[in-house]
PDB file of N, CA and C in Angstrom:
ATOM      1  N   MET A   1     -45.278 -94.090  62.527  1.00  0.00           N
ATOM      2  CA  MET A   1     -46.655 -94.498  62.777  1.00  0.00           C
ATOM      3  C   MET A   1     -47.505 -93.243  63.006  1.00  0.00           C
ATOM      4  N   SER A   2     -48.620 -93.142  62.313  1.00  0.00           N
ATOM      5  CA  SER A   2     -49.483 -91.969  62.449  1.00  0.00           C
ATOM      6  C   SER A   2     -50.404 -92.108  63.656  1.00  0.00           C
ATOM      7  N   ARG A   3     -50.813 -90.962  64.170  1.00  0.00           N
ATOM      8  CA  ARG A   3     -51.732 -90.957  65.318  1.00  0.00           C
ATOM      9  C   ARG A   3     -53.171 -91.083  64.830  1.00  0.00           C
ATOM     10  N   PRO A   4     -54.044 -91.634  65.676  1.00  0.00           N
ATOM     11  CA  PRO A   4     -55.451 -91.757  65.286  1.00  0.00           C
ATOM     12  C   PRO A   4     -56.102 -90.381  65.120  1.00  0.00           C
ATOM     13  N   LEU A   5     -57.123 -90.320  64.282  1.00  0.00           N
ATOM     14  CA  LEU A   5     -57.897 -89.090  64.132  1.00  0.00           C
ATOM     15  C   LEU A   5     -58.759 -88.833  65.355  1.00  0.00           C
ATOM     16  N   GLY A   6     -59.092 -89.878  66.077  1.00  0.00           N
ATOM     17  CA  GLY A   6     -59.931 -89.749  67.265  1.00  0.00           C
ATOM     18  C   GLY A   6     -60.163 -91.102  67.891  1.00  0.00           C
ATOM     19  N   TYR A   7     -60.928 -91.094  68.955  1.00  0.00           N
ATOM     20  CA  TYR A   7     -61.246 -92.313  69.679  1.00  0.00           C
ATOM     21  C   TYR A   7     -62.748 -92.361  69.913  1.00  0.00           C
ATOM     22  N   VAL A   8     -63.307 -93.545  69.927  1.00  0.00           N
ATOM     23  CA  VAL A   8     -64.720 -93.725  70.247  1.00  0.00           C
ATOM     24  C   VAL A   8     -64.796 -94.217  71.694  1.00  0.00           C
ATOM     25  N   VAL A   9     -65.439 -93.412  72.537  1.00  0.00           N
ATOM     26  CA  VAL A   9     -65.609 -93.767  73.946  1.00  0.00           C
ATOM     27  C   VAL A   9     -67.106 -93.867  74.208  1.00  0.00           C
ATOM     28  N   PRO A  10     -67.600 -95.023  74.611  1.00  0.00           N
ATOM     29  CA  PRO A  10     -69.034 -95.169  74.877  1.00  0.00           C
ATOM     30  C   PRO A  10     -69.508 -94.189  75.955  1.00  0.00           C
ATOM     31  N   ALA A  11     -70.707 -93.641  75.770  1.00  0.00           N
ATOM     32  CA  ALA A  11     -71.261 -92.643  76.688  1.00  0.00           C
ATOM     33  C   ALA A  11     -71.392 -93.168  78.113  1.00  0.00           C
ATOM     34  N   GLU A  12     -71.552 -94.481  78.267  1.00  0.00           N
ATOM     35  CA  GLU A  12     -71.712 -95.024  79.623  1.00  0.00           C
ATOM     36  C   GLU A  12     -70.421 -94.980  80.440  1.00  0.00           C
ATOM     37  N   LEU A  13     -69.296 -94.666  79.814  1.00  0.00           N
ATOM     38  CA  LEU A  13     -68.021 -94.545  80.533  1.00  0.00           C
ATOM     39  C   LEU A  13     -67.804 -93.092  80.953  1.00  0.00           C
ATOM     40  N   GLN A  14     -68.755 -92.560  81.723  1.00  0.00           N
ATOM     41  CA  GLN A  14     -68.736 -91.158  82.123  1.00  0.00           C
ATOM     42  C   GLN A  14     -67.465 -90.766  82.880  1.00  0.00           C
ATOM     43  N   ASP A  15     -66.927 -91.665  83.711  1.00  0.00           N
ATOM     44  CA  ASP A  15     -65.707 -91.324  84.450  1.00  0.00           C
ATOM     45  C   ASP A  15     -64.537 -91.078  83.497  1.00  0.00           C
ATOM     46  N   VAL A  16     -64.457 -91.856  82.418  1.00  0.00           N
ATOM     47  CA  VAL A  16     -63.404 -91.667  81.416  1.00  0.00           C
ATOM     48  C   VAL A  16     -63.602 -90.333  80.700  1.00  0.00           C
ATOM     49  N   LEU A  17     -64.832 -90.047  80.301  1.00  0.00           N
ATOM     50  CA  LEU A  17     -65.125 -88.802  79.594  1.00  0.00           C
ATOM     51  C   LEU A  17     -64.833 -87.588  80.474  1.00  0.00           C
ATOM     52  N   GLU A  18     -65.196 -87.656  81.746  1.00  0.00           N
ATOM     53  CA  GLU A  18     -64.930 -86.549  82.671  1.00  0.00           C
ATOM     54  C   GLU A  18     -63.429 -86.334  82.849  1.00  0.00           C
ATOM     55  N   THR A  19     -62.665 -87.405  82.937  1.00  0.00           N
ATOM     56  CA  THR A  19     -61.210 -87.297  83.082  1.00  0.00           C
ATOM     57  C   THR A  19     -60.600 -86.657  81.842  1.00  0.00           C
ATOM     58  N   LEU A  20     -61.027 -87.087  80.664  1.00  0.00           N
ATOM     59  CA  LEU A  20     -60.525 -86.497  79.422  1.00  0.00           C
ATOM     60  C   LEU A  20     -60.841 -85.001  79.376  1.00  0.00           C
ATOM     61  N   HIS A  21     -62.059 -84.632  79.757  1.00  0.00           N
ATOM     62  CA  HIS A  21     -62.473 -83.228  79.758  1.00  0.00           C
ATOM     63  C   HIS A  21     -61.629 -82.403  80.736  1.00  0.00           C
ATOM     64  N   ARG A  22     -61.384 -82.948  81.930  1.00  0.00           N
ATOM     65  CA  ARG A  22     -60.567 -82.239  82.922  1.00  0.00           C
ATOM     66  C   ARG A  22     -59.146 -82.008  82.420  1.00  0.00           C
ATOM     67  N   HIS A  23     -58.658 -82.871  81.570  1.00  0.00           N
ATOM     68  CA  HIS A  23     -57.306 -82.733  81.022  1.00  0.00           C
ATOM     69  C   HIS A  23     -57.280 -81.857  79.766  1.00  0.00           C
ATOM     70  N   GLY A  24     -58.411 -81.248  79.451  1.00  0.00           N
ATOM     71  CA  GLY A  24     -58.461 -80.319  78.328  1.00  0.00           C
ATOM     72  C   GLY A  24     -58.536 -80.971  76.971  1.00  0.00           C
ATOM     73  N   ILE A  25     -58.918 -82.234  76.926  1.00  0.00           N
ATOM     74  CA  ILE A  25     -59.026 -82.944  75.650  1.00  0.00           C
ATOM     75  C   ILE A  25     -60.374 -82.630  75.023  1.00  0.00           C
ATOM     76  N   GLN A  26     -60.351 -82.259  73.760  1.00  0.00           N
ATOM     77  CA  GLN A  26     -61.567 -81.897  73.043  1.00  0.00           C
ATOM     78  C   GLN A  26     -62.443 -83.134  72.852  1.00  0.00           C
ATOM     79  N   LEU A  27     -63.696 -83.023  73.252  1.00  0.00           N
ATOM     80  CA  LEU A  27     -64.653 -84.121  73.109  1.00  0.00           C
ATOM     81  C   LEU A  27     -65.776 -83.678  72.175  1.00  0.00           C
ATOM     82  N   GLU A  28     -66.262 -84.616  71.409  1.00  0.00           N
ATOM     83  CA  GLU A  28     -67.390 -84.337  70.530  1.00  0.00           C
ATOM     84  C   GLU A  28     -68.352 -85.506  70.619  1.00  0.00           C
ATOM     85  N   ALA A  29     -69.605 -85.207  70.928  1.00  0.00           N
ATOM     86  CA  ALA A  29     -70.617 -86.253  71.064  1.00  0.00           C
ATOM     87  C   ALA A  29     -71.291 -86.510  69.726  1.00  0.00           C
ATOM     88  N   LEU A  30     -71.528 -87.768  69.423  1.00  0.00           N
ATOM     89  CA  LEU A  30     -72.310 -88.123  68.246  1.00  0.00           C
ATOM     90  C   LEU A  30     -73.777 -87.993  68.627  1.00  0.00           C
ATOM     91  N   THR A  31     -74.533 -87.216  67.873  1.00  0.00           N
ATOM     92  CA  THR A  31     -75.926 -86.940  68.238  1.00  0.00           C
ATOM     93  C   THR A  31     -76.930 -87.815  67.500  1.00  0.00           C
ATOM     94  N   LYS A  32     -76.448 -88.590  66.530  1.00  0.00           N
ATOM     95  CA  LYS A  32     -77.336 -89.520  65.828  1.00  0.00           C
ATOM     96  C   LYS A  32     -76.537 -90.785  65.527  1.00  0.00           C
ATOM     97  N   ASP A  33     -77.251 -91.861  65.241  1.00  0.00           N
ATOM     98  CA  ASP A  33     -76.571 -93.114  64.910  1.00  0.00           C
ATOM     99  C   ASP A  33     -75.648 -92.909  63.708  1.00  0.00           C
ATOM    100  N   THR A  34     -74.418 -93.364  63.862  1.00  0.00           N
ATOM    101  CA  THR A  34     -73.405 -93.186  62.835  1.00  0.00           C
ATOM    102  C   THR A  34     -72.616 -94.465  62.666  1.00  0.00           C
ATOM    103  N   ARG A  35     -72.422 -94.893  61.423  1.00  0.00           N
ATOM    104  CA  ARG A  35     -71.564 -96.047  61.149  1.00  0.00           C
ATOM    105  C   ARG A  35     -70.126 -95.542  61.032  1.00  0.00           C
ATOM    106  N   LEU A  36     -69.236 -96.194  61.765  1.00  0.00           N
ATOM    107  CA  LEU A  36     -67.827 -95.805  61.749  1.00  0.00           C
ATOM    108  C   LEU A  36     -66.964 -97.013  61.452  1.00  0.00           C
ATOM    109  N   GLU A  37     -66.017 -96.848  60.550  1.00  0.00           N
ATOM    110  CA  GLU A  37     -65.008 -97.879  60.300  1.00  0.00           C
ATOM    111  C   GLU A  37     -63.891 -97.598  61.303  1.00  0.00           C
ATOM    112  N   VAL A  38     -63.662 -98.522  62.211  1.00  0.00           N
ATOM    113  CA  VAL A  38     -62.664 -98.305  63.260  1.00  0.00           C
ATOM    114  C   VAL A  38     -61.553 -99.348  63.173  1.00  0.00           C
ATOM    115  N   GLU A  39     -60.418 -98.962  63.689  1.00  0.00           N
ATOM    116  CA  GLU A  39     -59.278 -99.864  63.826  1.00  0.00           C
ATOM    117  C   GLU A  39     -59.045 -99.995  65.322  1.00  0.00           C
ATOM    118  N   TYR A  40     -58.896-101.228  65.796  1.00  0.00           N
ATOM    119  CA  TYR A  40     -58.687-101.426  67.225  1.00  0.00           C
ATOM    120  C   TYR A  40     -57.637-102.501  67.441  1.00  0.00           C
ATOM    121  N   TYR A  41     -57.165-102.550  68.640  1.00  0.00           N
ATOM    122  CA  TYR A  41     -56.129-103.514  69.002  1.00  0.00           C
ATOM    123  C   TYR A  41     -56.688-104.468  70.039  1.00  0.00           C
ATOM    124  N   GLU A  42     -56.574-105.754  69.747  1.00  0.00           N
ATOM    125  CA  GLU A  42     -57.068-106.783  70.656  1.00  0.00           C
ATOM    126  C   GLU A  42     -55.878-107.424  71.355  1.00  0.00           C
ATOM    127  N   ILE A  43     -55.944-107.470  72.670  1.00  0.00           N
ATOM    128  CA  ILE A  43     -54.856-108.046  73.456  1.00  0.00           C
ATOM    129  C   ILE A  43     -55.160-109.516  73.699  1.00  0.00           C
ATOM    130  N   GLY A  44     -54.184-110.352  73.381  1.00  0.00           N
ATOM    131  CA  GLY A  44     -54.320-111.790  73.594  1.00  0.00           C
ATOM    132  C   GLY A  44     -53.654-112.183  74.896  1.00  0.00           C
ATOM    133  N   GLU A  45     -52.667-113.008  74.804  1.00  0.00           N
ATOM    134  CA  GLU A  45     -51.970-113.515  75.985  1.00  0.00           C
ATOM    135  C   GLU A  45     -51.053-112.443  76.577  1.00  0.00           C
ATOM    136  N   ILE A  46     -51.064-112.357  77.911  1.00  0.00           N
ATOM    137  CA  ILE A  46     -50.177-111.433  78.626  1.00  0.00           C
ATOM    138  C   ILE A  46     -49.411-112.213  79.678  1.00  0.00           C
ATOM    139  N   GLU A  47     -48.103-112.029  79.702  1.00  0.00           N
ATOM    140  CA  GLU A  47     -47.268-112.594  80.754  1.00  0.00           C
ATOM    141  C   GLU A  47     -46.731-111.413  81.566  1.00  0.00           C
ATOM    142  N   PRO A  48     -47.237-111.210  82.784  1.00  0.00           N
ATOM    143  CA  PRO A  48     -46.853-110.044  83.568  1.00  0.00           C
ATOM    144  C   PRO A  48     -45.365-110.028  83.908  1.00  0.00           C
ATOM    145  N   ALA A  49     -44.858-108.821  84.165  1.00  0.00           N
ATOM    146  CA  ALA A  49     -43.481-108.654  84.621  1.00  0.00           C
ATOM    147  C   ALA A  49     -43.406-108.987  86.108  1.00  0.00           C
ATOM    148  N   ALA A  50     -42.210-109.122  86.594  1.00  0.00           N
ATOM    149  CA  ALA A  50     -42.014-109.436  88.011  1.00  0.00           C
ATOM    150  C   ALA A  50     -42.456-108.284  88.906  1.00  0.00           C
ATOM    151  N   TYR A  51     -42.376-107.051  88.396  1.00  0.00           N
ATOM    152  CA  TYR A  51     -42.730-105.871  89.185  1.00  0.00           C
ATOM    153  C   TYR A  51     -43.729-105.015  88.406  1.00  0.00           C
ATOM    154  N   ASP A  52     -44.619-104.311  89.125  1.00  0.00           N
ATOM    155  CA  ASP A  52     -45.676-103.519  88.499  1.00  0.00           C
ATOM    156  C   ASP A  52     -45.157-102.436  87.566  1.00  0.00           C
ATOM    157  N   TYR A  53     -44.012-101.861  87.844  1.00  0.00           N
ATOM    158  CA  TYR A  53     -43.520-100.729  87.061  1.00  0.00           C
ATOM    159  C   TYR A  53     -42.772-101.147  85.796  1.00  0.00           C
ATOM    160  N   LEU A  54     -42.653-102.438  85.553  1.00  0.00           N
ATOM    161  CA  LEU A  54     -41.984-102.942  84.348  1.00  0.00           C
ATOM    162  C   LEU A  54     -43.021-103.370  83.312  1.00  0.00           C
ATOM    163  N   PRO A  55     -42.674-103.285  82.026  1.00  0.00           N
ATOM    164  CA  PRO A  55     -43.622-103.761  81.006  1.00  0.00           C
ATOM    165  C   PRO A  55     -43.778-105.275  81.082  1.00  0.00           C
ATOM    166  N   PRO A  56     -44.855-105.808  80.532  1.00  0.00           N
ATOM    167  CA  PRO A  56     -45.056-107.259  80.563  1.00  0.00           C
ATOM    168  C   PRO A  56     -43.901-107.997  79.895  1.00  0.00           C
ATOM    169  N   MET A  57     -43.644-109.200  80.365  1.00  0.00           N
ATOM    170  CA  MET A  57     -42.618-110.047  79.747  1.00  0.00           C
ATOM    171  C   MET A  57     -43.038-110.430  78.322  1.00  0.00           C
ATOM    172  N   LYS A  58     -44.349-110.625  78.133  1.00  0.00           N
ATOM    173  CA  LYS A  58     -44.878-110.993  76.823  1.00  0.00           C
ATOM    174  C   LYS A  58     -46.282-110.425  76.711  1.00  0.00           C
ATOM    175  N   ILE A  59     -46.586-109.883  75.537  1.00  0.00           N
ATOM    176  CA  ILE A  59     -47.947-109.423  75.276  1.00  0.00           C
ATOM    177  C   ILE A  59     -48.233-109.618  73.795  1.00  0.00           C
ATOM    178  N   ASP A  60     -49.300-110.329  73.493  1.00  0.00           N
ATOM    179  CA  ASP A  60     -49.717-110.559  72.108  1.00  0.00           C
ATOM    180  C   ASP A  60     -50.812-109.555  71.759  1.00  0.00           C
ATOM    181  N   VAL A  61     -50.574-108.758  70.739  1.00  0.00           N
ATOM    182  CA  VAL A  61     -51.528-107.744  70.310  1.00  0.00           C
ATOM    183  C   VAL A  61     -51.750-107.900  68.814  1.00  0.00           C
ATOM    184  N   SER A  62     -53.019-107.852  68.404  1.00  0.00           N
ATOM    185  CA  SER A  62     -53.313-107.907  66.973  1.00  0.00           C
ATOM    186  C   SER A  62     -54.206-106.733  66.595  1.00  0.00           C
ATOM    187  N   LYS A  63     -53.907-106.123  65.435  1.00  0.00           N
ATOM    188  CA  LYS A  63     -54.683-104.987  64.938  1.00  0.00           C
ATOM    189  C   LYS A  63     -55.846-105.522  64.120  1.00  0.00           C
ATOM    190  N   LYS A  64     -57.027-104.949  64.344  1.00  0.00           N
ATOM    191  CA  LYS A  64     -58.224-105.399  63.635  1.00  0.00           C
ATOM    192  C   LYS A  64     -59.020-104.197  63.157  1.00  0.00           C
ATOM    193  N   ARG A  65     -59.877-104.425  62.166  1.00  0.00           N
ATOM    194  CA  ARG A  65     -60.783-103.392  61.658  1.00  0.00           C
ATOM    195  C   ARG A  65     -62.205-103.888  61.827  1.00  0.00           C
ATOM    196  N   HIS A  66     -63.105-102.930  62.061  1.00  0.00           N
ATOM    197  CA  HIS A  66     -64.490-103.301  62.327  1.00  0.00           C
ATOM    198  C   HIS A  66     -65.378-102.099  62.033  1.00  0.00           C
ATOM    199  N   THR A  67     -66.590-102.327  61.597  1.00  0.00           N
ATOM    200  CA  THR A  67     -67.569-101.253  61.443  1.00  0.00           C
ATOM    201  C   THR A  67     -68.497-101.296  62.644  1.00  0.00           C
ATOM    202  N   VAL A  68     -68.642-100.148  63.311  1.00  0.00           N
ATOM    203  CA  VAL A  68     -69.493-100.069  64.486  1.00  0.00           C
ATOM    204  C   VAL A  68     -70.591 -99.042  64.236  1.00  0.00           C
ATOM    205  N   LEU A  69     -71.691 -99.200  64.940  1.00  0.00           N
ATOM    206  CA  LEU A  69     -72.777 -98.243  64.913  1.00  0.00           C
ATOM    207  C   LEU A  69     -72.748 -97.525  66.244  1.00  0.00           C
ATOM    208  N   SER A  70     -72.447 -96.242  66.206  1.00  0.00           N
ATOM    209  CA  SER A  70     -72.373 -95.448  67.436  1.00  0.00           C
ATOM    210  C   SER A  70     -73.531 -94.498  67.499  1.00  0.00           C
TER     211      SER A  70
END
């Protein structure tokens, strides 16, 4: 499975952007409206595990594509 070329993080999520920057992750701001074809994962039903440190007993995830204006 290949890694994404990048991620789109909305500017209003400043705490996320600051955390990424502190960890040395390269950030690039879009300075004008841009149409982007994105692939995202939508989480459906989740059945939690008995303990927090274990993965969920069940998780439904579907991959989707969408064009966004950023």
